[in-house]
Amino acid sequence: MSRWMTLAFALTLAMTVINGLIFVHQLSSPVNAASAARKILDDDDFITGLTKIIRKTVRDYCSVGKKNDLDC
């Protein structure tokens, strides 16, 4: 019985260490995320698509707002 408990403890300890390493790696990656965000914001197709979505959302909001006497 103690052999199984030792094995379970070793596996639990190994998983804890692996999860800790993954967590530390994730904490160190915001710089990479900022770099990726800058790249996507430089993409003309992304900006065009995002602009279309925002304009449609504002247009839909204002058309509903006019029914409720809201100023758009």
N, C-alpha and C. Protein backbone atom coordinates (compact mmCIF):
# COMPACT_ATOMS: atom_id res chain seq x y z
N MET A 1 0.82 -1.20 0.00
CA MET A 1 0.00 0.00 0.00
C MET A 1 0.86 1.26 0.00
N SER A 2 1.96 1.26 0.69
CA SER A 2 2.78 2.46 0.76
C SER A 2 3.48 2.73 -0.58
N ARG A 3 3.69 1.67 -1.37
CA ARG A 3 4.30 1.87 -2.68
C ARG A 3 3.36 2.68 -3.56
N TRP A 4 2.05 2.40 -3.50
CA TRP A 4 1.07 3.15 -4.29
C TRP A 4 0.96 4.59 -3.80
N MET A 5 1.04 4.76 -2.51
CA MET A 5 0.97 6.12 -1.96
C MET A 5 2.20 6.92 -2.37
N THR A 6 3.36 6.28 -2.39
CA THR A 6 4.59 6.94 -2.83
C THR A 6 4.49 7.33 -4.30
N LEU A 7 3.97 6.43 -5.10
CA LEU A 7 3.78 6.71 -6.53
C LEU A 7 2.79 7.86 -6.73
N ALA A 8 1.68 7.83 -5.99
CA ALA A 8 0.67 8.89 -6.11
C ALA A 8 1.27 10.23 -5.67
N PHE A 9 2.06 10.22 -4.59
CA PHE A 9 2.70 11.45 -4.12
C PHE A 9 3.69 11.98 -5.15
N ALA A 10 4.46 11.07 -5.75
CA ALA A 10 5.44 11.49 -6.76
C ALA A 10 4.75 12.08 -7.98
N LEU A 11 3.66 11.46 -8.42
CA LEU A 11 2.91 11.99 -9.56
C LEU A 11 2.29 13.35 -9.23
N THR A 12 1.75 13.46 -8.03
CA THR A 12 1.16 14.74 -7.61
C THR A 12 2.22 15.84 -7.55
N LEU A 13 3.37 15.50 -7.00
CA LEU A 13 4.46 16.47 -6.92
C LEU A 13 4.94 16.87 -8.32
N ALA A 14 5.05 15.90 -9.22
CA ALA A 14 5.48 16.19 -10.59
C ALA A 14 4.48 17.11 -11.29
N MET A 15 3.20 16.83 -11.14
CA MET A 15 2.19 17.68 -11.77
C MET A 15 2.20 19.09 -11.18
N THR A 16 2.43 19.20 -9.88
CA THR A 16 2.50 20.51 -9.25
C THR A 16 3.67 21.32 -9.80
N VAL A 17 4.81 20.67 -9.95
CA VAL A 17 5.98 21.35 -10.50
C VAL A 17 5.73 21.77 -11.95
N ILE A 18 5.13 20.88 -12.74
CA ILE A 18 4.83 21.20 -14.14
C ILE A 18 3.86 22.38 -14.22
N ASN A 19 2.80 22.35 -13.40
CA ASN A 19 1.84 23.46 -13.39
C ASN A 19 2.50 24.76 -12.96
N GLY A 20 3.41 24.69 -11.99
CA GLY A 20 4.14 25.88 -11.56
C GLY A 20 4.99 26.45 -12.68
N LEU A 21 5.67 25.58 -13.42
CA LEU A 21 6.48 26.04 -14.55
C LEU A 21 5.62 26.68 -15.64
N ILE A 22 4.48 26.08 -15.92
CA ILE A 22 3.56 26.65 -16.91
C ILE A 22 3.07 28.03 -16.45
N PHE A 23 2.75 28.14 -15.16
CA PHE A 23 2.28 29.41 -14.61
C PHE A 23 3.36 30.50 -14.74
N VAL A 24 4.58 30.16 -14.40
CA VAL A 24 5.68 31.13 -14.50
C VAL A 24 5.89 31.53 -15.96
N HIS A 25 5.78 30.59 -16.86
CA HIS A 25 5.93 30.90 -18.29
C HIS A 25 4.82 31.84 -18.76
N GLN A 26 3.60 31.58 -18.30
CA GLN A 26 2.48 32.45 -18.69
C GLN A 26 2.67 33.87 -18.15
N LEU A 27 3.21 34.00 -16.95
CA LEU A 27 3.45 35.33 -16.39
C LEU A 27 4.50 36.10 -17.18
N SER A 28 5.43 35.38 -17.78
CA SER A 28 6.50 36.05 -18.50
C SER A 28 6.13 36.35 -19.95
N SER A 29 4.94 35.99 -20.39
CA SER A 29 4.59 36.16 -21.80
C SER A 29 3.76 37.39 -22.17
N PRO A 30 3.39 38.31 -21.27
CA PRO A 30 2.65 39.49 -21.71
C PRO A 30 3.40 40.31 -22.75
N VAL A 31 4.70 40.32 -22.71
CA VAL A 31 5.47 41.05 -23.71
C VAL A 31 5.19 40.47 -25.09
N ASN A 32 5.11 39.15 -25.17
CA ASN A 32 4.79 38.52 -26.44
C ASN A 32 3.37 38.86 -26.89
N ALA A 33 2.45 38.94 -25.94
CA ALA A 33 1.06 39.28 -26.28
C ALA A 33 0.99 40.71 -26.80
N ALA A 34 1.73 41.62 -26.18
CA ALA A 34 1.72 43.01 -26.64
C ALA A 34 2.29 43.12 -28.05
N SER A 35 3.31 42.34 -28.31
CA SER A 35 3.91 42.33 -29.65
C SER A 35 2.91 41.81 -30.68
N ALA A 36 2.20 40.76 -30.32
CA ALA A 36 1.20 40.20 -31.23
C ALA A 36 0.05 41.18 -31.45
N ALA A 37 -0.34 41.91 -30.40
CA ALA A 37 -1.41 42.89 -30.53
C ALA A 37 -0.99 44.01 -31.48
N ARG A 38 0.27 44.45 -31.37
CA ARG A 38 0.75 45.49 -32.28
C ARG A 38 0.72 45.01 -33.72
N LYS A 39 1.09 43.75 -33.93
CA LYS A 39 1.09 43.22 -35.29
C LYS A 39 -0.32 43.17 -35.87
N ILE A 40 -1.29 42.74 -35.06
CA ILE A 40 -2.65 42.63 -35.59
C ILE A 40 -3.24 44.02 -35.83
N LEU A 41 -2.86 45.00 -35.02
CA LEU A 41 -3.37 46.35 -35.24
C LEU A 41 -2.73 47.02 -36.45
N ASP A 42 -1.63 46.49 -36.93
CA ASP A 42 -1.02 46.99 -38.17
C ASP A 42 -1.60 46.33 -39.41
N ASP A 43 -2.45 45.32 -39.24
CA ASP A 43 -3.04 44.59 -40.36
C ASP A 43 -4.24 45.38 -40.90
N ASP A 44 -4.15 45.82 -42.15
CA ASP A 44 -5.22 46.63 -42.75
C ASP A 44 -6.53 45.87 -42.86
N ASP A 45 -6.48 44.58 -43.17
CA ASP A 45 -7.71 43.80 -43.27
C ASP A 45 -8.42 43.71 -41.93
N PHE A 46 -7.66 43.54 -40.86
CA PHE A 46 -8.25 43.48 -39.52
C PHE A 46 -8.91 44.80 -39.18
N ILE A 47 -8.22 45.91 -39.43
CA ILE A 47 -8.76 47.24 -39.12
C ILE A 47 -10.02 47.51 -39.93
N THR A 48 -10.01 47.13 -41.20
CA THR A 48 -11.18 47.33 -42.05
C THR A 48 -12.37 46.53 -41.53
N GLY A 49 -12.15 45.28 -41.20
CA GLY A 49 -13.23 44.44 -40.67
C GLY A 49 -13.76 44.96 -39.35
N LEU A 50 -12.86 45.35 -38.47
CA LEU A 50 -13.26 45.88 -37.18
C LEU A 50 -14.05 47.17 -37.33
N THR A 51 -13.64 48.03 -38.26
CA THR A 51 -14.36 49.27 -38.52
C THR A 51 -15.77 48.99 -39.00
N LYS A 52 -15.92 48.01 -39.89
CA LYS A 52 -17.25 47.65 -40.39
C LYS A 52 -18.14 47.16 -39.26
N ILE A 53 -17.59 46.32 -38.39
CA ILE A 53 -18.38 45.79 -37.27
C ILE A 53 -18.80 46.93 -36.34
N ILE A 54 -17.88 47.84 -36.04
CA ILE A 54 -18.20 48.94 -35.13
C ILE A 54 -19.25 49.86 -35.75
N ARG A 55 -19.09 50.18 -37.04
CA ARG A 55 -20.07 51.06 -37.70
C ARG A 55 -21.46 50.43 -37.73
N LYS A 56 -21.53 49.12 -38.01
CA LYS A 56 -22.82 48.43 -38.03
C LYS A 56 -23.45 48.43 -36.64
N THR A 57 -22.64 48.20 -35.62
CA THR A 57 -23.15 48.19 -34.25
C THR A 57 -23.69 49.56 -33.86
N VAL A 58 -22.96 50.61 -34.20
CA VAL A 58 -23.42 51.97 -33.88
C VAL A 58 -24.67 52.29 -34.68
N ARG A 59 -24.70 51.90 -35.94
CA ARG A 59 -25.88 52.15 -36.78
C ARG A 59 -27.10 51.43 -36.21
N ASP A 60 -26.93 50.16 -35.80
CA ASP A 60 -28.04 49.42 -35.21
C ASP A 60 -28.48 50.05 -33.90
N TYR A 61 -27.53 50.46 -33.07
CA TYR A 61 -27.86 51.09 -31.80
C TYR A 61 -28.63 52.38 -32.02
N CYS A 62 -28.17 53.18 -32.97
CA CYS A 62 -28.83 54.46 -33.22
C CYS A 62 -30.22 54.26 -33.82
N SER A 63 -30.39 53.23 -34.66
CA SER A 63 -31.73 53.02 -35.21
C SER A 63 -32.71 52.60 -34.12
N VAL A 64 -32.23 51.83 -33.15
CA VAL A 64 -33.09 51.47 -32.02
C VAL A 64 -33.28 52.69 -31.13
N GLY A 65 -32.22 53.48 -30.96
CA GLY A 65 -32.29 54.65 -30.11
C GLY A 65 -33.27 55.68 -30.62
N LYS A 66 -33.37 55.83 -31.94
CA LYS A 66 -34.29 56.82 -32.50
C LYS A 66 -35.74 56.47 -32.16
N LYS A 67 -36.00 55.16 -32.08
CA LYS A 67 -37.35 54.75 -31.70
C LYS A 67 -37.65 55.14 -30.26
N ASN A 68 -36.60 55.21 -29.45
CA ASN A 68 -36.78 55.56 -28.04
C ASN A 68 -36.44 57.02 -27.77
N ASP A 69 -36.37 57.83 -28.81
CA ASP A 69 -36.06 59.25 -28.70
C ASP A 69 -34.68 59.52 -28.10
N LEU A 70 -33.70 58.66 -28.38
CA LEU A 70 -32.35 58.90 -27.94
C LEU A 70 -31.61 59.67 -29.04
N ASP A 71 -30.71 60.53 -28.64
CA ASP A 71 -29.96 61.32 -29.61
C ASP A 71 -28.70 60.56 -30.03
N CYS A 72 -28.56 60.30 -31.32
CA CYS A 72 -27.37 59.61 -31.81
C CYS A 72 -26.54 60.57 -32.60
